[in-house]
């Protein structure tokens, strides 16, 4: 594994010297929310993605541009050497500092593991199978057989996901650390229906570029935080955040594509009797 990582590093340096293709893409939006009986608020979002490709090596970097300065949100590098694919996640996204229940210095991660790492994958000539190993010691087996897509991860947290299309119904099942979740999606008389194990039901209908989506979201019970550590050791692992209770509510969203290339979405939520208007564009 160390030799493969060293080879990957060498390949990356050689590729960056002569990037054959660079592509830019992004999106921007502005939203106005009347917040029901509370004060109205306007929010902005602008993101950009840069993709550089040279042969079998690709660098993808994403940035958040709506703040006072450009903020990195993701940096991924991958290369393919014959049947071997080596991928590196080079950016560690830390979001839980302010809600940590254990003392620590700025930047200490609690409630989440370190995101950076290297994964080495090998295409196996048996159906559509791939065997992957990351630098944390996790082994990932994935592939598609007889129309069923399976992924099984053995490591810090054992998880298995399965997806299949049966008689027009897309079925996805995930079991992680003994807890199972699922969702079903199908189309009936032009209406796209989705049902999840969280009791969330979504129905989307309309013509292309002019749609309405109605969602019913089940109530969520409150849960206390579990104390964790930055290293993830101990019975609490990395820990879990406080989960506040939320009453059941429904939303109705109407989206329309404009001739200017932008899209306009109006969303009403019964959670706080609010109406949100959002204009967005993707380039």
Protein backbone atom coordinates (compact mmCIF):
# COMPACT_ATOMS: atom_id res chain seq x y z
CA UNK A 1 0.00 0.00 0.00
CA UNK A 2 2.84 2.41 0.83
CA UNK A 3 4.40 1.80 -2.58
CA UNK A 4 1.08 2.55 -4.30
CA UNK A 5 0.67 5.78 -2.34
CA UNK A 6 4.22 6.80 -3.26
CA UNK A 7 3.49 6.05 -6.92
CA UNK A 8 0.32 8.10 -6.68
CA UNK A 9 2.26 11.07 -5.28
CA UNK A 10 4.78 10.85 -8.11
CA UNK A 11 2.04 10.64 -10.72
CA UNK A 12 0.24 13.65 -9.24
CA UNK A 13 3.35 15.84 -9.37
CA UNK A 14 4.08 14.83 -12.95
CA UNK A 15 0.50 15.53 -14.03
CA UNK A 16 0.27 18.99 -12.49
CA UNK A 17 3.21 20.10 -14.60
CA UNK A 18 1.11 19.82 -17.76
CA UNK A 19 -2.62 19.92 -17.12
CA UNK A 20 -4.29 19.21 -20.46
CA UNK A 21 -7.80 20.40 -19.63
CA UNK A 22 -9.36 22.72 -17.07
CA UNK A 23 -13.13 23.13 -16.68
CA UNK A 24 -15.01 25.66 -14.57
CA UNK A 25 -18.57 25.26 -13.31
CA UNK A 26 -20.62 26.77 -10.54
CA UNK A 27 -23.90 28.03 -9.22
CA UNK A 28 -25.32 31.10 -7.53
CA UNK A 29 -28.61 31.83 -5.78
CA UNK A 30 -30.39 34.39 -3.66
CA UNK A 31 -33.27 33.52 -1.33
CA UNK A 32 -35.83 35.70 0.44
CA UNK A 33 -37.68 34.10 3.37
CA UNK A 34 -40.51 35.98 5.08
CA UNK A 35 -40.06 33.61 8.08
CA UNK A 36 -43.74 33.71 8.92
CA UNK A 37 -44.31 35.90 11.98
CA UNK A 38 -40.56 36.44 12.49
CA UNK A 39 -38.26 38.92 10.79
CA UNK A 40 -37.67 38.32 7.10
CA UNK A 41 -34.19 37.28 5.93
CA UNK A 42 -32.25 37.29 2.67
CA UNK A 43 -29.44 34.79 2.09
CA UNK A 44 -26.92 34.36 -0.71
CA UNK A 45 -24.89 31.45 -2.00
CA UNK A 46 -22.26 31.21 -4.74
CA UNK A 47 -20.08 28.19 -5.45
CA UNK A 48 -17.41 27.32 -8.00
CA UNK A 49 -15.79 24.04 -9.02
CA UNK A 50 -12.51 23.66 -10.92
CA UNK A 51 -11.71 20.36 -12.62
CA UNK A 52 -8.27 19.76 -14.13
CA UNK A 53 -7.61 16.62 -16.17
CA UNK A 54 -4.39 15.17 -17.59
CA UNK A 55 -4.58 11.64 -18.95
CA UNK A 56 -5.95 9.41 -16.22
CA UNK A 57 -5.42 11.97 -13.44
CA UNK A 58 -8.12 14.40 -12.30
CA UNK A 59 -8.03 17.18 -9.72
CA UNK A 60 -11.36 18.57 -8.50
CA UNK A 61 -11.47 21.61 -6.21
CA UNK A 62 -14.64 23.32 -4.94
CA UNK A 63 -14.98 26.75 -3.35
CA UNK A 64 -17.59 28.80 -1.54
CA UNK A 65 -17.49 32.35 -2.93
CA UNK A 66 -20.26 34.22 -1.08
CA UNK A 67 -18.23 35.02 2.06
CA UNK A 68 -15.67 37.74 2.62
CA UNK A 69 -13.01 35.49 1.08
CA UNK A 70 -12.82 32.35 -1.05
CA UNK A 71 -13.36 29.27 1.17
CA UNK A 72 -12.32 25.76 0.18
CA UNK A 73 -15.06 23.13 0.48
CA UNK A 74 -13.42 20.14 -1.25
CA UNK A 75 -10.17 19.07 -2.93
CA UNK A 76 -9.99 15.60 -4.49
CA UNK A 77 -7.26 14.03 -6.59
CA UNK A 78 -7.53 10.69 -8.40
CA UNK A 79 -5.47 8.73 -10.89
CA UNK A 80 -5.92 5.45 -12.72
CA UNK A 81 -3.04 3.03 -13.32
CA UNK A 82 -4.32 0.01 -15.23
CA UNK A 83 -6.95 -1.71 -13.04
CA UNK A 84 -5.92 0.35 -9.98
CA UNK A 85 -7.55 3.66 -9.05
CA UNK A 86 -6.01 5.78 -6.30
CA UNK A 87 -8.05 8.64 -4.84
CA UNK A 88 -7.02 11.23 -2.26
CA UNK A 89 -9.37 13.48 -0.28
CA UNK A 90 -7.07 16.42 0.48
CA UNK A 91 -9.45 18.68 2.41
CA UNK A 92 -10.62 18.13 5.99
CA UNK A 93 -13.98 19.74 6.56
CA UNK A 94 -14.53 20.53 10.27
CA UNK A 95 -18.03 21.63 11.29
CA UNK A 96 -18.53 20.57 14.89
CA UNK A 97 -16.12 22.70 16.94
CA UNK A 98 -18.72 25.04 18.42
CA UNK A 99 -20.95 22.21 19.68
CA UNK A 100 -18.28 20.02 21.24
CA UNK A 101 -19.06 18.74 24.73
CA UNK A 102 -15.42 18.10 25.52
CA UNK A 103 -12.79 20.79 25.92
CA UNK A 104 -10.33 21.20 23.10
CA UNK A 105 -8.32 23.68 21.12
CA UNK A 106 -9.66 25.44 18.03
CA UNK A 107 -9.93 23.05 15.12
CA UNK A 108 -10.27 19.93 17.27
CA UNK A 109 -12.76 17.53 15.74
CA UNK A 110 -15.48 16.09 17.90
CA UNK A 111 -18.63 14.40 16.46
CA UNK A 112 -16.85 13.55 13.20
CA UNK A 113 -13.81 11.74 11.89
CA UNK A 114 -11.03 13.26 9.83
CA UNK A 115 -12.15 13.55 6.21
CA UNK A 116 -8.76 13.43 4.51
CA UNK A 117 -7.34 10.13 3.34
CA UNK A 118 -6.25 7.91 0.47
CA UNK A 119 -8.30 5.08 -1.03
CA UNK A 120 -6.89 2.43 -3.36
CA UNK A 121 -9.41 0.55 -5.54
CA UNK A 122 -8.93 -2.50 -7.71
CA UNK A 123 -11.38 -3.48 -10.46
CA UNK A 124 -12.03 -7.20 -10.12
CA UNK A 125 -12.86 -9.09 -13.34
CA UNK A 126 -15.95 -10.69 -11.76
CA UNK A 127 -19.11 -8.93 -12.87
CA UNK A 128 -18.84 -5.24 -11.99
CA UNK A 129 -16.86 -5.62 -8.77
CA UNK A 130 -14.42 -3.29 -7.06
CA UNK A 131 -12.32 -3.91 -3.94
CA UNK A 132 -11.04 -0.79 -2.16
CA UNK A 133 -8.79 -0.14 0.84
CA UNK A 134 -8.37 3.25 2.51
CA UNK A 135 -5.64 4.50 4.83
CA UNK A 136 -7.90 3.99 7.88
CA UNK A 137 -7.96 0.26 7.24
CA UNK A 138 -11.52 0.17 5.93
CA UNK A 139 -12.21 -2.42 3.22
CA UNK A 140 -14.97 -1.59 0.72
CA UNK A 141 -16.48 -4.22 -1.56
CA UNK A 142 -18.87 -2.92 -4.23
CA UNK A 143 -20.37 -3.96 -7.52
CA UNK A 144 -23.50 -4.75 -9.50
CA UNK A 145 -24.82 -8.26 -9.98
CA UNK A 146 -28.09 -9.23 -11.70
CA UNK A 147 -29.25 -5.63 -11.53
CA UNK A 148 -28.55 -5.27 -7.81
CA UNK A 149 -25.92 -2.74 -6.73
CA UNK A 150 -24.20 -3.65 -3.46
CA UNK A 151 -21.60 -1.94 -1.29
CA UNK A 152 -20.18 -3.39 1.92
CA UNK A 153 -17.72 -1.54 4.16
CA UNK A 154 -15.82 -3.30 6.94
CA UNK A 155 -13.90 -1.06 9.32
CA UNK A 156 -14.61 1.52 12.02
CA UNK A 157 -18.32 1.23 11.25
CA UNK A 158 -19.61 -1.72 9.25
CA UNK A 159 -22.22 -0.72 6.70
CA UNK A 160 -24.00 -2.32 3.77
CA UNK A 161 -26.06 -0.62 1.06
CA UNK A 162 -28.15 -2.25 -1.66
CA UNK A 163 -30.06 -0.72 -4.55
CA UNK A 164 -32.26 -2.35 -7.17
CA UNK A 165 -35.06 -1.46 -9.60
CA UNK A 166 -38.01 -3.84 -9.30
CA UNK A 167 -41.08 -3.50 -11.54
CA UNK A 168 -40.58 0.24 -11.90
CA UNK A 169 -39.76 0.82 -8.22
CA UNK A 170 -36.27 1.95 -7.15
CA UNK A 171 -35.41 0.37 -3.80
CA UNK A 172 -32.46 1.44 -1.62
CA UNK A 173 -31.60 -0.16 1.72
CA UNK A 174 -28.75 0.81 4.07
CA UNK A 175 -27.65 -0.96 7.24
CA UNK A 176 -25.07 0.92 9.29
CA UNK A 177 -23.90 -0.28 12.69
CA UNK A 178 -27.04 -2.38 12.99
CA UNK A 179 -29.50 0.41 12.10
CA UNK A 180 -31.44 0.01 8.83
CA UNK A 181 -32.90 2.76 6.66
CA UNK A 182 -34.62 2.50 3.28
CA UNK A 183 -36.39 4.49 0.60
CA UNK A 184 -38.67 3.66 -2.33
CA UNK A 185 -39.13 5.75 -5.48
CA UNK A 186 -41.52 5.23 -8.39
CA UNK A 187 -43.58 7.13 -10.95
CA UNK A 188 -47.38 6.77 -11.11
CA UNK A 189 -49.40 8.61 -13.77
CA UNK A 190 -46.58 11.10 -14.26
CA UNK A 191 -46.16 11.76 -10.52
CA UNK A 192 -42.77 10.95 -8.97
CA UNK A 193 -43.34 9.44 -5.52
CA UNK A 194 -40.74 8.84 -2.82
CA UNK A 195 -41.27 7.08 0.53
CA UNK A 196 -38.53 6.78 3.16
CA UNK A 197 -38.19 4.84 6.40
CA UNK A 198 -38.27 8.20 8.21
CA UNK A 199 -41.97 8.35 7.13
CA UNK A 200 -41.17 11.19 4.74
CA UNK A 201 -43.37 11.21 1.63
CA UNK A 202 -42.61 13.34 -1.45
CA UNK A 203 -44.68 13.77 -4.61
CA UNK A 204 -43.38 15.75 -7.60
CA UNK A 205 -45.42 16.43 -10.73
CA UNK A 206 -45.64 18.79 -13.65
CA UNK A 207 -43.95 19.40 -16.99
CA UNK A 208 -40.20 19.72 -17.44
CA UNK A 209 -39.12 23.16 -16.24
CA UNK A 210 -42.38 23.79 -14.38
CA UNK A 211 -42.90 21.46 -11.44
CA UNK A 212 -44.60 21.26 -8.07
CA UNK A 213 -43.25 19.16 -5.20
CA UNK A 214 -45.32 18.34 -2.12
CA UNK A 215 -43.54 16.83 0.89
CA UNK A 216 -44.78 15.49 4.20
CA UNK A 217 -42.09 15.28 6.89
CA UNK A 218 -42.68 13.19 10.00
CA UNK A 219 -41.99 14.45 13.50
CA UNK A 220 -38.52 13.98 14.97
CA UNK A 221 -37.96 13.06 18.61
CA UNK A 222 -35.31 14.83 20.67
CA UNK A 223 -32.07 13.07 21.58
CA UNK A 224 -29.29 14.07 23.97
CA UNK A 225 -25.70 14.50 22.86
CA UNK A 226 -23.19 11.70 23.29
CA UNK A 227 -19.78 12.85 24.48
CA UNK A 228 -16.99 11.89 22.12
CA UNK A 229 -13.31 12.56 21.58
CA UNK A 230 -11.30 14.01 18.71
CA UNK A 231 -9.66 10.64 18.12
CA UNK A 232 -12.94 8.71 18.23
CA UNK A 233 -11.73 6.38 20.98
CA UNK A 234 -13.96 5.14 23.78
CA UNK A 235 -17.57 4.00 23.91
CA UNK A 236 -18.84 7.37 22.67
CA UNK A 237 -16.75 7.23 19.50
CA UNK A 238 -16.64 10.65 17.90
CA UNK A 239 -19.88 11.53 19.71
CA UNK A 240 -23.26 12.71 18.47
CA UNK A 241 -24.80 16.17 18.47
CA UNK A 242 -27.96 17.19 20.32
CA UNK A 243 -31.07 16.45 18.27
CA UNK A 244 -33.97 18.81 18.90
CA UNK A 245 -37.55 17.65 18.53
CA UNK A 246 -39.42 18.82 15.44
CA UNK A 247 -43.17 18.55 14.90
CA UNK A 248 -44.43 17.05 11.65
CA UNK A 249 -44.91 19.54 8.84
CA UNK A 250 -45.45 19.82 5.10
CA UNK A 251 -43.90 21.85 2.31
CA UNK A 252 -45.07 22.83 -1.17
CA UNK A 253 -42.46 24.00 -3.68
CA UNK A 254 -43.19 25.36 -7.17
CA UNK A 255 -40.16 25.60 -9.48
CA UNK A 256 -39.95 27.18 -12.92
CA UNK A 257 -37.10 27.50 -15.40
CA UNK A 258 -36.86 31.02 -16.82
CA UNK A 259 -35.83 31.93 -20.37
CA UNK A 260 -32.89 33.85 -18.87
CA UNK A 261 -31.32 30.53 -17.86
CA UNK A 262 -32.13 30.98 -14.17
CA UNK A 263 -34.74 29.11 -12.13
CA UNK A 264 -37.25 30.50 -9.66
CA UNK A 265 -38.59 28.46 -6.74
CA UNK A 266 -41.34 29.40 -4.28
CA UNK A 267 -41.59 27.17 -1.18
CA UNK A 268 -44.26 27.30 1.51
CA UNK A 269 -43.67 25.49 4.81
CA UNK A 270 -46.25 24.78 7.50
CA UNK A 271 -43.42 24.41 10.04
CA UNK A 272 -43.31 28.19 10.56
CA UNK A 273 -45.95 29.40 8.09
CA UNK A 274 -43.20 30.85 5.89
CA UNK A 275 -42.79 31.53 2.19
CA UNK A 276 -39.33 31.40 0.62
CA UNK A 277 -38.51 32.75 -2.85
CA UNK A 278 -35.25 31.55 -4.42
CA UNK A 279 -33.63 32.53 -7.71
CA UNK A 280 -30.71 30.37 -8.86
CA UNK A 281 -28.47 29.90 -11.87
CA UNK A 282 -25.99 27.16 -12.78
CA UNK A 283 -23.14 27.57 -15.24
